[in-house]
């Protein structure tokens, strides 16, 4: 039988609110760190150095080609086999960041490639330094292209954090399952 009192009791429980905080925290931190790594990977994929492009391309192919759940299990249970021991939160962060960076690097790279080369050539002809060209000409135009998919990626990452419950992270899904099984407080 449905009980609104039980529903609101579970919905506002501290256990559930703490789980929501862990989910939001994991999402925001993973997105920030993933975006930082994505810029490096996107730069490597656009590099003139062939070995760098190959390594970055392999990383993106590997991380996008394997399920995040498998990556999390390997990071949490496989790395200790080679002497790298991570806590549950650290393993979750490493897994989410490495996976998200592969997807974000393609967003960053496509945004940078969307700026016509004539724009950078014109800015250089005006005597702008490469840094100023990037900051004043390329980045604003690239951001216009990158922001919508970055928002979609953030939403996807927010939903994807439920997978970290498999390695025992007490996020929203795990706490909700626990609260539902125990019933109202």
N, C-alpha and C. Protein backbone atom coordinates (compact mmCIF):
# COMPACT_ATOMS: atom_id res chain seq x y z
N UNK A 1 0.85 -1.18 0.00
CA UNK A 1 0.00 0.00 0.00
C UNK A 1 0.89 1.24 0.00
N UNK A 2 0.51 2.19 -0.82
CA UNK A 2 1.30 3.42 -0.97
C UNK A 2 1.11 4.32 0.24
N UNK A 3 2.22 4.90 0.70
CA UNK A 3 2.17 5.82 1.83
C UNK A 3 2.98 7.07 1.50
N UNK A 4 2.30 8.20 1.43
CA UNK A 4 3.00 9.45 1.14
C UNK A 4 3.96 9.80 2.27
N UNK A 5 3.59 9.49 3.50
CA UNK A 5 4.48 9.78 4.62
C UNK A 5 5.78 9.01 4.50
N UNK A 6 5.66 7.73 4.14
CA UNK A 6 6.88 6.92 3.96
C UNK A 6 7.70 7.43 2.79
N UNK A 7 7.03 7.81 1.71
CA UNK A 7 7.72 8.34 0.54
C UNK A 7 8.54 9.58 0.89
N UNK A 8 7.91 10.56 1.55
CA UNK A 8 8.61 11.80 1.90
C UNK A 8 9.65 11.57 3.00
N UNK A 9 9.41 10.59 3.84
CA UNK A 9 10.39 10.27 4.88
C UNK A 9 11.68 9.74 4.24
N UNK A 10 11.55 8.87 3.26
CA UNK A 10 12.72 8.32 2.56
C UNK A 10 13.36 9.40 1.68
N UNK A 11 12.54 10.18 1.00
CA UNK A 11 13.04 11.21 0.09
C UNK A 11 13.86 12.27 0.81
N UNK A 12 13.52 12.57 2.04
CA UNK A 12 14.23 13.62 2.78
C UNK A 12 15.18 13.06 3.84
N UNK A 13 15.43 11.78 3.79
CA UNK A 13 16.33 11.19 4.78
C UNK A 13 17.76 11.68 4.57
N UNK A 14 18.51 11.76 5.64
CA UNK A 14 19.90 12.21 5.54
C UNK A 14 20.73 11.24 4.71
N UNK A 15 20.41 9.96 4.78
CA UNK A 15 21.15 8.97 4.00
C UNK A 15 21.00 9.25 2.51
N UNK A 16 19.79 9.57 2.07
CA UNK A 16 19.55 9.85 0.66
C UNK A 16 20.19 11.18 0.25
N UNK A 17 20.10 12.18 1.10
CA UNK A 17 20.71 13.48 0.79
C UNK A 17 22.23 13.37 0.71
N UNK A 18 22.82 12.56 1.59
CA UNK A 18 24.27 12.33 1.52
C UNK A 18 24.64 11.62 0.22
N UNK A 19 23.82 10.67 -0.20
CA UNK A 19 24.06 9.99 -1.47
C UNK A 19 23.96 10.93 -2.66
N UNK A 20 22.99 11.85 -2.60
CA UNK A 20 22.85 12.85 -3.67
C UNK A 20 24.08 13.75 -3.70
N UNK A 21 24.59 14.11 -2.53
CA UNK A 21 25.79 14.95 -2.47
C UNK A 21 26.98 14.23 -3.08
N UNK A 22 27.15 12.95 -2.78
CA UNK A 22 28.26 12.17 -3.35
C UNK A 22 28.14 12.11 -4.87
N UNK A 23 26.92 11.91 -5.37
CA UNK A 23 26.69 11.86 -6.81
C UNK A 23 27.06 13.17 -7.48
N UNK A 24 26.59 14.28 -6.92
CA UNK A 24 26.88 15.60 -7.49
C UNK A 24 28.36 15.90 -7.41
N UNK A 25 28.97 15.60 -6.26
CA UNK A 25 30.40 15.86 -6.08
C UNK A 25 31.23 15.07 -7.08
N UNK A 26 30.93 13.78 -7.21
CA UNK A 26 31.65 12.94 -8.17
C UNK A 26 31.49 13.47 -9.59
N UNK A 27 30.30 13.91 -9.94
CA UNK A 27 30.04 14.41 -11.29
C UNK A 27 30.83 15.68 -11.57
N UNK A 28 30.78 16.64 -10.66
CA UNK A 28 31.45 17.92 -10.88
C UNK A 28 32.97 17.74 -10.93
N UNK A 29 33.51 17.01 -9.98
CA UNK A 29 34.97 16.81 -9.95
C UNK A 29 35.43 16.01 -11.16
N UNK A 30 34.69 14.98 -11.53
CA UNK A 30 35.06 14.18 -12.71
C UNK A 30 34.99 15.00 -13.98
N UNK A 31 34.01 15.88 -14.08
CA UNK A 31 33.88 16.71 -15.27
C UNK A 31 35.03 17.71 -15.36
N UNK A 32 35.38 18.35 -14.26
CA UNK A 32 36.47 19.33 -14.27
C UNK A 32 37.80 18.66 -14.60
N UNK A 33 38.11 17.57 -13.91
CA UNK A 33 39.37 16.87 -14.16
C UNK A 33 39.38 16.23 -15.55
N UNK A 34 38.23 15.70 -15.96
CA UNK A 34 38.13 15.10 -17.28
C UNK A 34 38.32 16.13 -18.38
N UNK A 35 37.79 17.32 -18.18
CA UNK A 35 37.96 18.38 -19.18
C UNK A 35 39.41 18.83 -19.27
N UNK A 36 40.09 18.91 -18.12
CA UNK A 36 41.51 19.27 -18.13
C UNK A 36 42.33 18.22 -18.90
N UNK A 37 42.08 16.95 -18.63
CA UNK A 37 42.77 15.88 -19.35
C UNK A 37 42.36 15.86 -20.81
N UNK A 38 41.11 16.19 -21.10
CA UNK A 38 40.62 16.19 -22.48
C UNK A 38 41.34 17.23 -23.33
N UNK A 39 41.66 18.37 -22.74
CA UNK A 39 42.39 19.40 -23.49
C UNK A 39 43.77 18.88 -23.88
N UNK A 40 44.41 18.17 -22.95
CA UNK A 40 45.73 17.59 -23.24
C UNK A 40 45.62 16.54 -24.33
N UNK A 41 44.62 15.66 -24.23
CA UNK A 41 44.45 14.59 -25.21
C UNK A 41 44.08 15.17 -26.58
N UNK A 42 43.21 16.17 -26.59
CA UNK A 42 42.83 16.80 -27.86
C UNK A 42 44.03 17.47 -28.51
N UNK A 43 44.88 18.09 -27.70
CA UNK A 43 46.10 18.70 -28.23
C UNK A 43 47.02 17.64 -28.81
N UNK A 44 47.13 16.52 -28.10
CA UNK A 44 47.98 15.43 -28.59
C UNK A 44 47.43 14.84 -29.89
N UNK A 45 46.11 14.74 -29.99
CA UNK A 45 45.51 14.19 -31.21
C UNK A 45 45.66 15.13 -32.39
N UNK A 46 45.85 16.42 -32.11
CA UNK A 46 46.04 17.41 -33.18
C UNK A 46 47.51 17.74 -33.41
N UNK A 47 48.39 17.06 -32.70
CA UNK A 47 49.82 17.34 -32.77
C UNK A 47 50.41 16.95 -34.13
N UNK A 48 51.53 17.57 -34.45
CA UNK A 48 52.25 17.21 -35.67
C UNK A 48 53.14 15.99 -35.45
N UNK A 49 53.35 15.63 -34.17
CA UNK A 49 54.16 14.47 -33.83
C UNK A 49 53.31 13.19 -33.96
N UNK A 50 53.66 12.37 -34.89
CA UNK A 50 52.87 11.16 -35.19
C UNK A 50 52.78 10.22 -33.98
N UNK A 51 53.87 9.93 -33.25
CA UNK A 51 53.74 9.02 -32.10
C UNK A 51 52.76 9.56 -31.04
N UNK A 52 52.76 10.86 -30.84
CA UNK A 52 51.84 11.47 -29.89
C UNK A 52 50.39 11.30 -30.34
N UNK A 53 50.15 11.50 -31.63
CA UNK A 53 48.80 11.31 -32.19
C UNK A 53 48.36 9.86 -32.05
N UNK A 54 49.28 8.94 -32.26
CA UNK A 54 48.94 7.51 -32.19
C UNK A 54 48.58 7.12 -30.75
N UNK A 55 49.39 7.56 -29.80
CA UNK A 55 49.13 7.23 -28.39
C UNK A 55 47.80 7.83 -27.95
N UNK A 56 47.56 9.10 -28.27
CA UNK A 56 46.30 9.74 -27.89
C UNK A 56 45.11 9.08 -28.59
N UNK A 57 45.27 8.72 -29.84
CA UNK A 57 44.20 8.04 -30.56
C UNK A 57 43.89 6.67 -29.97
N UNK A 58 44.93 5.94 -29.57
CA UNK A 58 44.73 4.64 -28.94
C UNK A 58 43.99 4.79 -27.61
N UNK A 59 44.39 5.80 -26.82
CA UNK A 59 43.73 6.06 -25.54
C UNK A 59 42.24 6.32 -25.75
N UNK A 60 41.91 7.19 -26.70
CA UNK A 60 40.50 7.51 -26.97
C UNK A 60 39.77 6.27 -27.46
N UNK A 61 40.38 5.52 -28.36
CA UNK A 61 39.76 4.30 -28.88
C UNK A 61 39.51 3.29 -27.76
N UNK A 62 40.49 3.10 -26.89
CA UNK A 62 40.37 2.13 -25.81
C UNK A 62 39.30 2.54 -24.80
N UNK A 63 39.34 3.79 -24.36
CA UNK A 63 38.41 4.23 -23.33
C UNK A 63 36.97 4.33 -23.85
N UNK A 64 36.81 4.71 -25.10
CA UNK A 64 35.46 4.80 -25.67
C UNK A 64 34.96 3.43 -26.12
N UNK A 65 35.87 2.50 -26.33
CA UNK A 65 35.50 1.19 -26.85
C UNK A 65 35.22 0.14 -25.79
N UNK A 66 35.53 0.43 -24.55
CA UNK A 66 35.25 -0.52 -23.47
C UNK A 66 34.21 0.08 -22.53
N UNK A 67 33.36 -0.74 -21.97
CA UNK A 67 32.33 -0.22 -21.05
C UNK A 67 32.96 0.37 -19.78
N UNK A 68 32.36 1.44 -19.30
CA UNK A 68 32.85 2.08 -18.07
C UNK A 68 32.82 1.11 -16.90
N UNK A 69 31.81 0.27 -16.85
CA UNK A 69 31.71 -0.70 -15.75
C UNK A 69 32.94 -1.61 -15.72
N UNK A 70 33.38 -2.07 -16.88
CA UNK A 70 34.57 -2.92 -16.97
C UNK A 70 35.80 -2.12 -16.53
N UNK A 71 35.89 -0.87 -16.96
CA UNK A 71 37.03 -0.02 -16.57
C UNK A 71 37.07 0.17 -15.06
N UNK A 72 35.92 0.42 -14.44
CA UNK A 72 35.87 0.62 -12.99
C UNK A 72 36.30 -0.64 -12.24
N UNK A 73 35.82 -1.79 -12.70
CA UNK A 73 36.18 -3.05 -12.04
C UNK A 73 37.68 -3.31 -12.19
N UNK A 74 38.22 -3.06 -13.38
CA UNK A 74 39.66 -3.26 -13.58
C UNK A 74 40.47 -2.32 -12.70
N UNK A 75 40.07 -1.06 -12.62
CA UNK A 75 40.80 -0.09 -11.80
C UNK A 75 40.72 -0.47 -10.33
N UNK A 76 39.53 -0.86 -9.87
CA UNK A 76 39.36 -1.15 -8.44
C UNK A 76 39.93 -2.50 -8.01
N UNK A 77 39.78 -3.52 -8.87
CA UNK A 77 40.24 -4.85 -8.47
C UNK A 77 41.52 -5.29 -9.18
N UNK A 78 41.78 -4.74 -10.35
CA UNK A 78 42.95 -5.17 -11.12
C UNK A 78 44.23 -4.44 -10.73
N UNK A 79 44.13 -3.14 -10.49
CA UNK A 79 45.35 -2.38 -10.16
C UNK A 79 46.03 -2.86 -8.87
N UNK A 80 45.28 -3.28 -7.83
CA UNK A 80 45.97 -3.82 -6.65
C UNK A 80 46.82 -5.05 -6.95
N UNK A 81 46.49 -5.78 -8.02
CA UNK A 81 47.27 -6.95 -8.40
C UNK A 81 48.67 -6.58 -8.87
N UNK A 82 48.83 -5.32 -9.33
CA UNK A 82 50.15 -4.85 -9.76
C UNK A 82 50.75 -3.84 -8.77
N UNK A 83 50.17 -3.78 -7.56
CA UNK A 83 50.73 -2.96 -6.50
C UNK A 83 50.17 -1.55 -6.38
N UNK A 84 49.16 -1.21 -7.16
CA UNK A 84 48.55 0.13 -7.07
C UNK A 84 47.22 -0.01 -6.36
N UNK A 85 47.18 0.42 -5.10
CA UNK A 85 45.97 0.28 -4.31
C UNK A 85 45.28 1.64 -4.18
N UNK A 86 44.05 1.68 -4.64
CA UNK A 86 43.25 2.89 -4.56
C UNK A 86 42.03 2.63 -3.68
N UNK A 87 41.62 3.66 -2.95
CA UNK A 87 40.39 3.56 -2.19
C UNK A 87 39.20 3.56 -3.14
N UNK A 88 38.03 3.37 -2.59
CA UNK A 88 36.82 3.29 -3.41
C UNK A 88 36.57 4.61 -4.15
N UNK A 89 36.64 5.71 -3.44
CA UNK A 89 36.39 7.02 -4.06
C UNK A 89 37.46 7.34 -5.09
N UNK A 90 38.72 7.06 -4.76
CA UNK A 90 39.81 7.33 -5.70
C UNK A 90 39.65 6.50 -6.98
N UNK A 91 39.31 5.23 -6.82
CA UNK A 91 39.11 4.36 -7.99
C UNK A 91 37.95 4.86 -8.83
N UNK A 92 36.88 5.29 -8.18
CA UNK A 92 35.73 5.83 -8.90
C UNK A 92 36.11 7.09 -9.67
N UNK A 93 36.84 7.97 -9.02
CA UNK A 93 37.27 9.22 -9.68
C UNK A 93 38.19 8.93 -10.86
N UNK A 94 39.16 8.06 -10.66
CA UNK A 94 40.09 7.73 -11.75
C UNK A 94 39.33 7.14 -12.93
N UNK A 95 38.43 6.22 -12.65
CA UNK A 95 37.66 5.60 -13.72
C UNK A 95 36.78 6.60 -14.46
N UNK A 96 36.06 7.42 -13.71
CA UNK A 96 35.18 8.40 -14.34
C UNK A 96 35.97 9.45 -15.13
N UNK A 97 37.07 9.91 -14.56
CA UNK A 97 37.88 10.94 -15.23
C UNK A 97 38.49 10.39 -16.52
N UNK A 98 39.10 9.22 -16.45
CA UNK A 98 39.73 8.65 -17.64
C UNK A 98 38.71 8.38 -18.74
N UNK A 99 37.54 7.87 -18.36
CA UNK A 99 36.51 7.59 -19.35
C UNK A 99 35.95 8.88 -19.93
N UNK A 100 35.63 9.82 -19.08
CA UNK A 100 35.02 11.07 -19.54
C UNK A 100 35.99 11.89 -20.38
N UNK A 101 37.26 11.86 -20.04
CA UNK A 101 38.26 12.62 -20.80
C UNK A 101 38.33 12.16 -22.25
N UNK A 102 38.13 10.87 -22.49
CA UNK A 102 38.17 10.37 -23.86
C UNK A 102 37.03 10.96 -24.68
N UNK A 103 35.85 11.04 -24.10
CA UNK A 103 34.71 11.61 -24.81
C UNK A 103 34.85 13.13 -24.94
N UNK A 104 35.26 13.77 -23.85
CA UNK A 104 35.41 15.23 -23.88
C UNK A 104 36.51 15.68 -24.83
N UNK A 105 37.55 14.86 -24.99
CA UNK A 105 38.64 15.25 -25.89
C UNK A 105 38.14 15.37 -27.33
N UNK A 106 37.18 14.54 -27.70
CA UNK A 106 36.62 14.64 -29.05
C UNK A 106 35.75 15.89 -29.19
N UNK A 107 35.08 16.26 -28.12
CA UNK A 107 34.29 17.50 -28.14
C UNK A 107 35.20 18.70 -28.28
N UNK A 108 36.28 18.72 -27.49
CA UNK A 108 37.24 19.83 -27.54
C UNK A 108 37.90 19.89 -28.92
N UNK A 109 38.33 18.75 -29.40
CA UNK A 109 39.01 18.71 -30.70
C UNK A 109 38.09 19.17 -31.82
N UNK A 110 36.85 18.72 -31.81
CA UNK A 110 35.92 19.14 -32.86
C UNK A 110 35.60 20.62 -32.76
N UNK A 111 35.53 21.14 -31.53
CA UNK A 111 35.30 22.57 -31.36
C UNK A 111 36.44 23.40 -31.92
N UNK A 112 37.67 22.96 -31.65
CA UNK A 112 38.84 23.69 -32.15
C UNK A 112 38.94 23.57 -33.67
N UNK A 113 38.61 22.41 -34.21
CA UNK A 113 38.68 22.23 -35.66
C UNK A 113 37.56 22.96 -36.39
N UNK A 114 36.51 23.36 -35.67
CA UNK A 114 35.39 24.06 -36.31
C UNK A 114 35.72 25.51 -36.66
N UNK A 115 36.78 26.04 -36.07
CA UNK A 115 37.17 27.42 -36.35
C UNK A 115 37.92 27.43 -37.69
N UNK A 116 37.45 28.20 -38.66
CA UNK A 116 38.11 28.24 -39.97
C UNK A 116 39.56 28.71 -39.85
N UNK A 117 40.45 28.10 -40.62
CA UNK A 117 41.87 28.48 -40.56
C UNK A 117 42.09 29.92 -41.00
N UNK A 118 41.20 30.44 -41.81
CA UNK A 118 41.31 31.84 -42.23
C UNK A 118 41.22 32.80 -41.06
N UNK A 119 40.51 32.40 -40.01
CA UNK A 119 40.41 33.24 -38.81
C UNK A 119 41.76 33.38 -38.12
N UNK A 120 42.45 32.25 -37.96
CA UNK A 120 43.76 32.30 -37.30
C UNK A 120 44.80 32.97 -38.19
N UNK A 121 44.71 32.73 -39.49
CA UNK A 121 45.65 33.37 -40.41
C UNK A 121 45.47 34.88 -40.41
N UNK A 122 44.23 35.34 -40.38
CA UNK A 122 43.97 36.78 -40.34
C UNK A 122 44.48 37.40 -39.05
N UNK A 123 44.29 36.71 -37.94
CA UNK A 123 44.77 37.22 -36.65
C UNK A 123 46.30 37.29 -36.62
N UNK A 124 46.95 36.27 -37.18
CA UNK A 124 48.42 36.30 -37.24
C UNK A 124 48.90 37.41 -38.16
N UNK A 125 48.16 37.66 -39.24
CA UNK A 125 48.54 38.73 -40.17
C UNK A 125 48.44 40.10 -39.48
N UNK A 126 47.56 40.19 -38.49
CA UNK A 126 47.44 41.44 -37.73
C UNK A 126 48.54 41.58 -36.69
N UNK A 127 49.38 40.55 -36.56
CA UNK A 127 50.51 40.62 -35.64
C UNK A 127 50.23 40.08 -34.25
N UNK A 128 49.14 39.35 -34.08
CA UNK A 128 48.83 38.77 -32.77
C UNK A 128 49.75 37.59 -32.47
N UNK A 129 50.09 37.45 -31.21
CA UNK A 129 50.91 36.30 -30.79
C UNK A 129 50.03 35.05 -30.83
N UNK A 130 50.64 33.86 -30.92
CA UNK A 130 49.84 32.63 -30.94
C UNK A 130 48.90 32.50 -29.72
N UNK A 131 49.38 32.93 -28.57
CA UNK A 131 48.55 32.87 -27.36
C UNK A 131 47.34 33.78 -27.49
N UNK A 132 47.57 34.99 -27.98
CA UNK A 132 46.47 35.94 -28.14
C UNK A 132 45.50 35.47 -29.23
N UNK A 133 46.02 34.88 -30.29
CA UNK A 133 45.16 34.34 -31.35
C UNK A 133 44.22 33.30 -30.75
N UNK A 134 44.78 32.42 -29.94
CA UNK A 134 43.97 31.37 -29.33
C UNK A 134 42.93 31.97 -28.39
N UNK A 135 43.37 32.88 -27.53
CA UNK A 135 42.50 33.45 -26.50
C UNK A 135 41.41 34.35 -27.07
N UNK A 136 41.74 35.16 -28.07
CA UNK A 136 40.81 36.16 -28.58
C UNK A 136 40.01 35.68 -29.79
N UNK A 137 40.61 34.84 -30.62
CA UNK A 137 39.95 34.46 -31.88
C UNK A 137 39.41 33.03 -31.83
N UNK A 138 40.27 32.07 -31.51
CA UNK A 138 39.89 30.66 -31.62
C UNK A 138 38.96 30.22 -30.49
N UNK A 139 39.34 30.47 -29.25
CA UNK A 139 38.57 29.96 -28.11
C UNK A 139 37.11 30.44 -28.10
N UNK A 140 36.83 31.73 -28.30
CA UNK A 140 35.42 32.14 -28.29
C UNK A 140 34.58 31.43 -29.36
N UNK A 141 35.14 31.24 -30.53
CA UNK A 141 34.39 30.57 -31.59
C UNK A 141 34.25 29.07 -31.32
N UNK A 142 35.29 28.48 -30.75
CA UNK A 142 35.24 27.05 -30.43
C UNK A 142 34.26 26.78 -29.29
N UNK A 143 34.22 27.66 -28.30
CA UNK A 143 33.31 27.46 -27.17
C UNK A 143 31.86 27.45 -27.63
N UNK A 144 31.54 28.26 -28.60
CA UNK A 144 30.18 28.31 -29.13
C UNK A 144 29.75 26.93 -29.65
N UNK A 145 30.69 26.21 -30.20
CA UNK A 145 30.42 24.87 -30.73
C UNK A 145 30.48 23.82 -29.62
N UNK A 146 31.36 24.02 -28.62
CA UNK A 146 31.60 22.99 -27.60
C UNK A 146 30.58 23.00 -26.46
N UNK A 147 29.99 24.12 -26.13
CA UNK A 147 29.15 24.19 -24.93
C UNK A 147 27.94 23.25 -24.98
N UNK A 148 27.17 23.18 -26.05
CA UNK A 148 26.02 22.25 -26.04
C UNK A 148 26.42 20.79 -25.79
N UNK A 149 27.43 20.24 -26.51
CA UNK A 149 27.77 18.85 -26.20
C UNK A 149 28.41 18.67 -24.82
N UNK A 150 29.08 19.71 -24.30
CA UNK A 150 29.62 19.60 -22.94
C UNK A 150 28.48 19.51 -21.92
N UNK A 151 27.41 20.25 -22.15
CA UNK A 151 26.24 20.14 -21.28
C UNK A 151 25.62 18.75 -21.33
N UNK A 152 25.51 18.21 -22.54
CA UNK A 152 24.99 16.85 -22.68
C UNK A 152 25.89 15.84 -22.00
N UNK A 153 27.18 16.05 -22.11
CA UNK A 153 28.14 15.14 -21.48
C UNK A 153 28.02 15.20 -19.96
N UNK A 154 27.81 16.41 -19.42
CA UNK A 154 27.63 16.56 -17.98
C UNK A 154 26.39 15.79 -17.52
N UNK A 155 25.29 15.92 -18.26
CA UNK A 155 24.07 15.19 -17.91
C UNK A 155 24.29 13.68 -17.97
N UNK A 156 24.99 13.23 -19.00
CA UNK A 156 25.29 11.81 -19.11
C UNK A 156 26.16 11.32 -17.97
N UNK A 157 27.14 12.13 -17.59
CA UNK A 157 28.04 11.75 -16.49
C UNK A 157 27.27 11.68 -15.17
N UNK A 158 26.34 12.60 -14.98
CA UNK A 158 25.52 12.58 -13.76
C UNK A 158 24.77 11.26 -13.64
N UNK A 159 24.26 10.76 -14.76
CA UNK A 159 23.56 9.48 -14.75
C UNK A 159 24.52 8.30 -14.65
N UNK A 160 25.70 8.46 -15.23
CA UNK A 160 26.69 7.38 -15.25
C UNK A 160 27.29 7.11 -13.88
N UNK A 161 27.25 8.08 -12.99
CA UNK A 161 27.85 7.87 -11.67
C UNK A 161 27.19 6.73 -10.91
N UNK A 162 26.00 6.31 -11.33
CA UNK A 162 25.37 5.18 -10.65
C UNK A 162 26.20 3.91 -10.78
N UNK A 163 27.02 3.83 -11.83
CA UNK A 163 27.85 2.63 -12.02
C UNK A 163 28.90 2.46 -10.93
N UNK A 164 29.29 3.55 -10.26
CA UNK A 164 30.32 3.42 -9.23
C UNK A 164 29.80 2.68 -8.01
N UNK A 165 28.49 2.48 -7.92
CA UNK A 165 27.95 1.69 -6.80
C UNK A 165 28.43 0.25 -6.87
N UNK A 166 28.83 -0.20 -8.07
CA UNK A 166 29.32 -1.56 -8.24
C UNK A 166 30.61 -1.78 -7.45
N UNK A 167 31.42 -0.74 -7.30
CA UNK A 167 32.67 -0.87 -6.53
C UNK A 167 32.48 -0.31 -5.12
N UNK A 168 31.24 -0.29 -4.65
CA UNK A 168 30.88 0.04 -3.26
C UNK A 168 30.89 1.52 -2.91
N UNK A 169 30.82 2.41 -3.89
CA UNK A 169 30.69 3.83 -3.56
C UNK A 169 29.26 4.07 -3.11
N UNK A 170 29.11 4.74 -1.99
CA UNK A 170 27.80 5.00 -1.42
C UNK A 170 27.18 6.26 -2.05
N UNK A 171 26.84 6.17 -3.35
CA UNK A 171 26.22 7.30 -4.03
C UNK A 171 24.71 7.15 -3.97
N UNK A 172 24.01 7.97 -4.72
CA UNK A 172 22.56 8.07 -4.63
C UNK A 172 21.85 6.74 -4.87
N UNK A 173 22.19 6.01 -5.94
CA UNK A 173 21.51 4.75 -6.24
C UNK A 173 21.68 3.74 -5.12
N UNK A 174 22.90 3.59 -4.63
CA UNK A 174 23.17 2.60 -3.58
C UNK A 174 22.44 2.96 -2.29
N UNK A 175 22.46 4.24 -1.93
CA UNK A 175 21.77 4.66 -0.71
C UNK A 175 20.26 4.55 -0.86
N UNK A 176 19.74 4.85 -2.04
CA UNK A 176 18.29 4.73 -2.27
C UNK A 176 17.87 3.27 -2.18
N UNK A 177 18.65 2.38 -2.75
CA UNK A 177 18.34 0.95 -2.67
C UNK A 177 18.34 0.49 -1.22
N UNK A 178 19.33 0.97 -0.48
CA UNK A 178 19.43 0.62 0.94
C UNK A 178 18.26 1.18 1.72
N UNK A 179 17.89 2.43 1.46
CA UNK A 179 16.78 3.05 2.18
C UNK A 179 15.47 2.36 1.85
N UNK A 180 15.27 1.97 0.60
CA UNK A 180 14.04 1.31 0.20
C UNK A 180 13.92 -0.07 0.83
N UNK A 181 15.05 -0.76 0.98
CA UNK A 181 15.01 -2.10 1.54
C UNK A 181 14.74 -2.06 3.05
N UNK A 182 15.16 -0.98 3.71
CA UNK A 182 14.95 -0.87 5.15
C UNK A 182 13.58 -0.30 5.48
N UNK A 183 12.97 0.42 4.52
CA UNK A 183 11.67 1.02 4.78
C UNK A 183 11.83 2.37 5.47
N UNK A 184 10.71 3.03 5.79
CA UNK A 184 10.79 4.36 6.39
C UNK A 184 11.38 4.31 7.79
N UNK A 185 12.08 5.40 8.13
CA UNK A 185 12.74 5.46 9.45
C UNK A 185 11.75 5.71 10.55
